[in-house]
Every structure is written in structure tokens, then in C-alpha cells.
Amino acid sequence: MRTYKIVREQAMGTFMCPPGFHGFTYSVHEFTGPRGRRVIGEYSLEYLLSGEADASEYIRKEAARLIGSVKPTESEGWVRSVYGYFKNCYVPESGSRNASDVIIHNPTEIVVDRALKSLRDAFQNDDSLSGDNYRRGVTPIYGRRRGYEVTAKRDGSTVYIYALTDDGTRYDADHLSDYANALSGGHFNNVRHEPICEKHAGRIVANVRDVPPLMDPERHSAVRCIREYFPQHKPRVELIENPEKGYGSWPCSKCGKRVQYEARYDKYAFVTSRIDGRGMTHWSYGLECTNGEPHDVK
């Protein structure tokens, strides 16, 4: 029989575990023996209940008790974080959750790539076009300021072409009409110049003939992940289409520090780290913003 101890330090929950998950509070250490001090393994509470752990009946019951004593919360912040992490990710029809089997599907990217290919094919015979990209999908245009940008609606039904200045800002794209006409006849139709207003630059607009089909929301990786803890979770289509700032680090709207959502606390936190003399990394989480209030991201 092996020697295990349930500890409250170095808990094993990850950002994909919901607030209140027992792994944020408890983990299991394995020692060389009853009097051993050297940790030779770290596990979750579930491990003690598996057939792999040669654990005593007492510690198995204690693990089961602790698992049953906490209740995870399907908080809005956590749900948005999971959808943001799994942006554009879907499981295959087999239901496999292996990372190598995940399907990446984004209608916006598909139609933007189609438009870029059509434009580049039209530019092949134009010697005035050369230079480096300024941002994704941008090719400098010699003598006509410096570039263009292609974007699309989130559902992939429409593409937009903007003209760019040297510093990457948009201006009226009327002079791109001749090049944009290269879109007509293939995946696109109704190509036109669209003035917006004095404040916003005009653009080239084209409708998509064959809009990429949407994937079944039930197969979205975030839905499958959340249902491991909350089986009744219904797909949030609005977060599948646009998870906004659900995952990653963003400036706090009050103090300006870059903060990220931490499921352990169900709050945004300013995260820092330091390395001690033994080479161990220690993390700190600043949960309070100005005047002791929580951080906020808008």
C-alpha cells in the first residue's frame, strides 16, 4: 500500500475547471513511506478513487467526502473564459476530445482567405504591387498610399476591403474598385463601393455566394468541456460567434493594468510571478483594483 496525504497547497485545478471545483483547494501528495518527507507524486482527489491508486480505505473515503462537500458554480465569467479559449474549435463526429482531432472552423477566416486569393491572383500581372505586409491580409500598393485590409462578417456572408495609410489607419477605398472587381464571378457577387460617413472611411463590399455552413453548436469544444461539470448546459451561440474578451489578458477599465480571469477566485486578477532560490515559480494574484474594488474589463 502506498502513502498518500491530502493537502491544501499546490491545488491542481486549471482554468478550465469551474469556480468551487475541489481541485482549486485540495490535491494529493504521495510519499516514499509513512515517515517519508520527499514527495514523489502529485495527483487529484479523483486519482485516489481510481483503480490505479493503491490507497487505504480511509483516505479513499476522505477523498470522496471532500469531492462531495464542494459545489462548482457555472459562473458567467468562467463560461465566457471557456468559450474564449475554445474559439472556433469543434470536436469531430466521433466525439474525440484529443487535441490532434479538434476541427478549427471559422466562416470569417474562410471567406477572407477566398477574397485574398482572388485579389492576389488579380495583382499577379501588376508590377506596381510589391512590399511587405502591414497586418494580416495587407499588401502595399505602390503610389496609392500603402495597403488594403480584408475583413468579413462573423457569419461569412459579406467581405469588406479597406484602404490603409502608412500607419495602418483606414481611409476611403474607392481607388481599390478596379482590383476588387476581381472578386466578381467566383465566390462573390454584388461588389460595390460603400461610403460610410465623414467619420468612417468608405470601403469595398462584396456578398458571398457560397457562405460556409455553420458547425453544429452541440459539437463546440467549449460546450463539451462545460458539460463535464454541468450536463444540462445549453450552447451559447452568441459566445460561439463572438466570445469577446472571455479569454486572455486585457486592460482593467479602472486601473489600466492587464488582468485575466481566474476561475480559482471567479474574478479578474493582476498576475505576477517570481522564482525563488530553488528555481521554483511562485504566482501572486492581485484581486483588488483601485479603492479595494474588483478589477473590471469592458
Protein backbone atom coordinates (compact mmCIF):
# COMPACT_ATOMS: atom_id res chain seq x y z
CA MET A 1 0.00 0.00 0.00
CA ARG A 2 1.30 3.45 -0.93
CA THR A 3 1.43 6.51 1.31
CA TYR A 4 -0.77 9.44 0.29
CA LYS A 5 -1.69 12.68 2.02
CA ILE A 6 -4.42 15.16 1.08
CA VAL A 7 -3.04 18.71 1.18
CA ARG A 8 -4.41 22.19 0.63
CA GLU A 9 -1.26 23.58 -1.01
CA GLN A 10 -0.44 23.42 -4.71
CA ALA A 11 -4.01 22.55 -5.64
CA MET A 12 -4.44 21.03 -9.09
CA GLY A 13 -7.43 22.86 -10.62
CA THR A 14 -6.90 24.50 -14.01
CA PHE A 15 -8.57 27.47 -15.70
CA MET A 16 -10.94 25.02 -17.42
CA CYS A 17 -12.33 23.93 -14.04
CA PRO A 18 -15.30 25.96 -12.73
CA PRO A 19 -15.23 28.12 -9.58
CA GLY A 20 -15.77 25.99 -6.49
CA PHE A 21 -14.10 22.95 -8.06
CA HIS A 22 -12.36 20.89 -5.37
CA GLY A 23 -9.12 20.85 -7.35
CA PHE A 24 -8.60 24.54 -6.54
CA THR A 25 -8.42 23.66 -2.84
CA TYR A 26 -7.15 20.08 -2.49
CA SER A 27 -4.53 17.89 -4.08
CA VAL A 28 -2.84 14.61 -3.19
CA HIS A 29 0.84 14.06 -2.42
CA GLU A 30 2.48 10.65 -2.49
CA PHE A 31 5.44 10.00 -0.18
CA THR A 32 8.12 7.31 -0.13
CA GLY A 33 6.66 5.83 3.07
CA PRO A 34 4.69 6.59 6.25
CA ARG A 35 7.61 8.61 7.61
CA GLY A 36 8.84 9.88 4.28
CA ARG A 37 9.16 13.60 3.65
CA ARG A 38 10.03 13.58 -0.03
CA VAL A 39 7.07 13.99 -2.37
CA ILE A 40 7.33 11.53 -5.26
CA GLY A 41 3.97 12.23 -6.89
CA GLU A 42 1.15 14.77 -7.07
CA TYR A 43 -2.42 13.80 -8.01
CA SER A 44 -6.03 14.94 -7.92
CA LEU A 45 -8.62 13.66 -5.45
CA GLU A 46 -10.20 11.62 -8.24
CA TYR A 47 -6.99 9.64 -8.55
CA LEU A 48 -7.50 8.18 -5.07
CA LEU A 49 -10.87 6.81 -6.19
CA SER A 50 -9.45 5.22 -9.34
CA GLY A 51 -8.18 1.69 -9.67
CA GLU A 52 -4.62 2.94 -10.17
CA ALA A 53 -4.15 4.27 -6.63
CA ASP A 54 -3.10 1.69 -4.04
CA ALA A 55 -4.63 3.78 -1.25
CA SER A 56 -6.12 2.92 2.12
CA GLU A 57 -9.88 2.75 2.53
CA TYR A 58 -9.76 5.67 4.97
CA ILE A 59 -8.13 8.11 2.57
CA ARG A 60 -10.41 6.96 -0.26
CA LYS A 61 -13.46 7.82 1.84
CA GLU A 62 -11.94 11.15 2.80
CA ALA A 63 -11.34 11.99 -0.86
CA ALA A 64 -14.94 11.07 -1.72
CA ARG A 65 -16.19 13.20 1.18
CA LEU A 66 -14.20 16.25 0.08
CA ILE A 67 -15.33 15.90 -3.53
CA GLY A 68 -18.95 15.77 -2.37
CA SER A 69 -18.54 18.68 0.05
CA VAL A 70 -17.99 21.34 -2.63
CA LYS A 71 -20.34 22.55 -5.32
CA PRO A 72 -18.91 24.04 -8.53
CA THR A 73 -20.54 27.18 -9.92
CA GLU A 74 -21.39 27.75 -13.58
CA SER A 75 -20.46 31.42 -13.34
CA GLU A 76 -20.77 33.79 -16.30
CA GLY A 77 -17.09 34.75 -16.12
CA TRP A 78 -15.96 31.14 -16.27
CA VAL A 79 -18.34 30.26 -19.11
CA ARG A 80 -17.06 33.18 -21.19
CA SER A 81 -13.47 32.20 -20.44
CA VAL A 82 -14.04 28.63 -21.67
CA TYR A 83 -15.78 29.77 -24.86
CA GLY A 84 -12.96 32.23 -25.47
CA TYR A 85 -10.29 29.55 -25.02
CA PHE A 86 -12.03 27.14 -27.40
CA LYS A 87 -12.79 29.82 -30.01
CA ASN A 88 -13.54 28.19 -33.41
CA CYS A 89 -12.81 24.68 -32.01
CA TYR A 90 -15.16 21.74 -32.62
CA VAL A 91 -14.97 18.05 -31.81
CA PRO A 92 -15.19 15.58 -34.73
CA GLU A 93 -18.25 13.41 -35.29
CA SER A 94 -16.52 10.66 -33.30
CA GLY A 95 -16.70 12.90 -30.22
CA SER A 96 -12.94 12.66 -29.60
CA ARG A 97 -11.57 15.34 -27.26
CA ASN A 98 -7.96 14.74 -28.30
CA ALA A 99 -6.25 17.98 -29.29
CA SER A 100 -4.98 16.40 -32.51
CA ASP A 101 -8.58 15.65 -33.60
CA VAL A 102 -10.04 19.12 -32.98
CA ILE A 103 -11.59 20.81 -36.02
CA ILE A 104 -10.93 24.53 -36.49
CA HIS A 105 -13.85 26.16 -38.30
CA ASN A 106 -14.27 29.92 -38.75
CA PRO A 107 -16.53 31.21 -41.58
CA THR A 108 -14.93 34.67 -41.34
CA GLU A 109 -11.44 33.33 -41.94
CA ILE A 110 -12.63 31.09 -44.78
CA VAL A 111 -14.22 33.90 -46.82
CA VAL A 112 -11.36 36.33 -46.06
CA ASP A 113 -8.87 33.78 -47.41
CA ARG A 114 -11.02 33.34 -50.53
CA ALA A 115 -11.10 37.11 -51.10
CA LEU A 116 -7.36 37.47 -50.55
CA LYS A 117 -6.64 34.73 -53.07
CA SER A 118 -8.85 36.42 -55.69
CA LEU A 119 -7.17 39.77 -55.11
CA ARG A 120 -3.65 38.34 -55.22
CA ASP A 121 -4.44 36.48 -58.43
CA ALA A 122 -5.58 39.79 -59.93
CA PHE A 123 -2.42 41.51 -58.71
CA GLN A 124 -0.03 38.97 -60.24
CA ASN A 125 0.23 40.91 -63.50
CA ASP A 126 0.51 44.33 -61.87
CA ASP A 127 4.15 45.35 -61.40
CA SER A 128 3.17 48.30 -59.19
CA LEU A 129 2.30 45.97 -56.31
CA SER A 130 5.18 44.95 -54.04
CA GLY A 131 6.46 45.15 -50.46
CA ASP A 132 5.82 43.66 -47.04
CA ASN A 133 2.53 43.13 -45.22
CA TYR A 134 1.47 45.63 -42.58
CA ARG A 135 -1.08 43.38 -40.91
CA ARG A 136 -2.83 40.16 -41.84
CA GLY A 137 -4.21 40.38 -45.38
CA VAL A 138 -2.48 43.65 -46.17
CA THR A 139 -0.42 44.17 -49.32
CA PRO A 140 1.23 47.56 -50.01
CA ILE A 141 0.05 49.37 -53.14
CA TYR A 142 2.80 51.48 -54.67
CA GLY A 143 1.83 55.10 -55.35
CA ARG A 144 -1.59 54.83 -53.72
CA ARG A 145 -0.61 55.20 -50.10
CA ARG A 146 0.30 51.78 -48.76
CA GLY A 147 -2.18 48.95 -48.43
CA TYR A 148 -5.51 47.26 -48.04
CA GLU A 149 -7.21 45.12 -45.44
CA VAL A 150 -9.85 42.42 -45.89
CA THR A 151 -12.36 41.63 -43.13
CA ALA A 152 -15.74 39.85 -43.10
CA LYS A 153 -18.96 39.45 -41.15
CA ARG A 154 -18.82 36.80 -38.45
CA ASP A 155 -21.29 34.61 -40.34
CA GLY A 156 -19.18 34.77 -43.51
CA SER A 157 -21.92 36.38 -45.64
CA THR A 158 -20.09 39.59 -46.58
CA VAL A 159 -16.49 40.75 -47.05
CA TYR A 160 -15.11 44.27 -46.70
CA ILE A 161 -11.97 45.81 -48.20
CA TYR A 162 -10.42 48.89 -46.62
CA ALA A 163 -7.56 51.08 -47.86
CA LEU A 164 -4.77 51.76 -45.36
CA THR A 165 -2.28 54.56 -44.87
CA ASP A 166 1.36 54.00 -43.90
CA ASP A 167 0.48 53.89 -40.20
CA GLY A 168 -2.29 51.32 -40.76
CA THR A 169 -5.29 53.63 -40.39
CA ARG A 170 -8.17 53.28 -42.85
CA TYR A 171 -9.17 55.81 -45.49
CA ASP A 172 -11.60 55.78 -48.41
CA ALA A 173 -11.10 52.67 -50.56
CA ASP A 174 -12.68 53.97 -53.78
CA HIS A 175 -9.40 53.60 -55.72
CA LEU A 176 -9.45 49.84 -54.98
CA SER A 177 -12.61 49.31 -57.05
CA ASP A 178 -10.75 48.02 -60.12
CA TYR A 179 -8.91 45.41 -58.06
CA ALA A 180 -11.98 44.49 -56.02
CA ASN A 181 -13.89 43.69 -59.22
CA ALA A 182 -11.64 40.62 -59.40
CA LEU A 183 -13.94 39.13 -56.75
CA SER A 184 -16.93 39.04 -59.11
CA GLY A 185 -17.83 35.78 -60.79
CA GLY A 186 -16.33 33.40 -58.24
CA HIS A 187 -17.30 33.11 -54.61
CA PHE A 188 -18.54 36.72 -54.56
CA ASN A 189 -21.09 38.99 -56.22
CA ASN A 190 -22.59 42.47 -55.90
CA VAL A 191 -19.16 44.07 -55.47
CA ARG A 192 -19.56 47.78 -54.75
CA HIS A 193 -18.04 50.87 -53.16
CA GLU A 194 -19.87 51.83 -49.97
CA PRO A 195 -19.45 55.30 -48.47
CA ILE A 196 -19.98 55.19 -44.72
CA CYS A 197 -19.78 58.69 -43.28
CA GLU A 198 -17.33 61.53 -42.85
CA LYS A 199 -16.00 59.99 -39.67
CA HIS A 200 -15.52 56.47 -41.05
CA ALA A 201 -13.71 55.70 -44.29
CA GLY A 202 -15.52 54.22 -47.27
CA ARG A 203 -14.91 50.60 -48.21
CA ILE A 204 -15.41 47.98 -50.89
CA VAL A 205 -18.18 45.49 -50.07
CA ALA A 206 -18.93 42.11 -51.66
CA ASN A 207 -21.57 39.50 -50.87
CA VAL A 208 -20.58 35.84 -50.58
CA ARG A 209 -22.33 33.42 -52.94
CA ASP A 210 -21.49 30.23 -51.06
CA VAL A 211 -21.47 31.13 -47.37
CA PRO A 212 -19.56 28.49 -45.37
CA PRO A 213 -22.04 26.41 -43.34
CA LEU A 214 -22.02 26.79 -39.58
CA MET A 215 -20.91 23.86 -37.47
CA ASP A 216 -23.38 22.24 -35.08
CA PRO A 217 -23.14 24.23 -31.79
CA GLU A 218 -23.53 20.94 -29.89
CA ARG A 219 -20.07 19.97 -31.18
CA HIS A 220 -18.33 23.11 -29.99
CA SER A 221 -15.42 22.21 -27.72
CA ALA A 222 -16.50 24.70 -25.05
CA VAL A 223 -19.92 23.04 -24.83
CA ARG A 224 -18.33 19.62 -24.34
CA CYS A 225 -15.93 20.97 -21.71
CA ILE A 226 -18.63 22.73 -19.68
CA ARG A 227 -20.91 19.68 -19.80
CA GLU A 228 -18.29 17.64 -17.96
CA TYR A 229 -19.33 19.64 -14.89
CA PHE A 230 -22.81 20.86 -15.87
CA PRO A 231 -24.50 18.28 -18.15
CA GLN A 232 -27.55 20.50 -18.74
CA HIS A 233 -25.54 23.35 -20.25
CA LYS A 234 -27.08 24.68 -23.46
CA PRO A 235 -24.80 26.02 -26.23
CA ARG A 236 -24.30 29.78 -26.07
CA VAL A 237 -24.42 30.59 -29.78
CA GLU A 238 -23.63 34.28 -29.18
CA LEU A 239 -20.37 33.28 -27.44
CA ILE A 240 -19.52 30.77 -30.17
CA GLU A 241 -19.81 33.59 -32.72
CA ASN A 242 -18.04 36.17 -30.56
CA PRO A 243 -16.53 35.30 -27.16
CA GLU A 244 -15.28 38.90 -26.92
CA LYS A 245 -12.82 39.21 -24.02
CA GLY A 246 -13.58 35.89 -22.41
CA TYR A 247 -10.03 34.54 -22.52
CA GLY A 248 -6.63 36.21 -22.33
CA SER A 249 -5.36 39.32 -20.57
CA TRP A 250 -6.97 42.72 -21.00
CA PRO A 251 -6.54 46.21 -19.54
CA CYS A 252 -8.68 46.83 -16.48
CA SER A 253 -11.18 49.57 -17.31
CA LYS A 254 -10.40 51.29 -13.99
CA CYS A 255 -6.67 50.93 -13.25
CA GLY A 256 -5.33 50.06 -16.71
CA LYS A 257 -3.35 47.00 -15.56
CA ARG A 258 -3.59 43.92 -17.74
CA VAL A 259 -5.72 41.39 -15.88
CA GLN A 260 -7.04 37.93 -16.66
CA TYR A 261 -9.97 35.88 -15.43
CA GLU A 262 -9.02 33.40 -12.70
CA ALA A 263 -11.55 30.61 -12.10
CA ARG A 264 -9.98 29.87 -8.71
CA TYR A 265 -11.35 33.20 -7.44
CA ASP A 266 -14.07 33.80 -10.07
CA LYS A 267 -12.56 37.25 -10.58
CA TYR A 268 -10.17 39.16 -12.79
CA ALA A 269 -6.67 39.29 -11.34
CA PHE A 270 -3.38 41.07 -11.96
CA VAL A 271 -0.99 38.12 -12.12
CA THR A 272 2.72 38.27 -11.25
CA SER A 273 5.37 35.63 -10.65
CA ARG A 274 8.75 35.24 -9.01
CA ILE A 275 11.37 32.48 -8.90
CA ASP A 276 12.90 31.55 -5.55
CA GLY A 277 16.43 30.36 -4.85
CA ARG A 278 15.48 26.75 -5.63
CA GLY A 279 14.17 27.66 -9.07
CA MET A 280 10.53 27.29 -8.02
CA THR A 281 7.98 29.66 -9.55
CA HIS A 282 5.54 31.39 -7.18
CA TRP A 283 2.44 33.14 -8.51
CA SER A 284 0.63 36.10 -6.97
CA TYR A 285 -2.89 37.27 -7.81
CA GLY A 286 -3.89 40.89 -7.27
CA LEU A 287 -7.67 40.69 -6.99
CA GLU A 288 -8.33 44.25 -5.85
CA CYS A 289 -8.31 47.31 -8.07
CA THR A 290 -8.47 50.96 -7.01
CA ASN A 291 -10.23 51.65 -3.70
CA GLY A 292 -10.30 47.92 -2.96
CA GLU A 293 -12.85 47.21 -5.69
CA PRO A 294 -12.64 44.23 -8.10
CA HIS A 295 -10.95 44.63 -11.46
CA ASP A 296 -13.27 45.04 -14.42
CA VAL A 297 -12.89 44.53 -18.16
CA LYS A 298 -15.29 46.20 -20.59
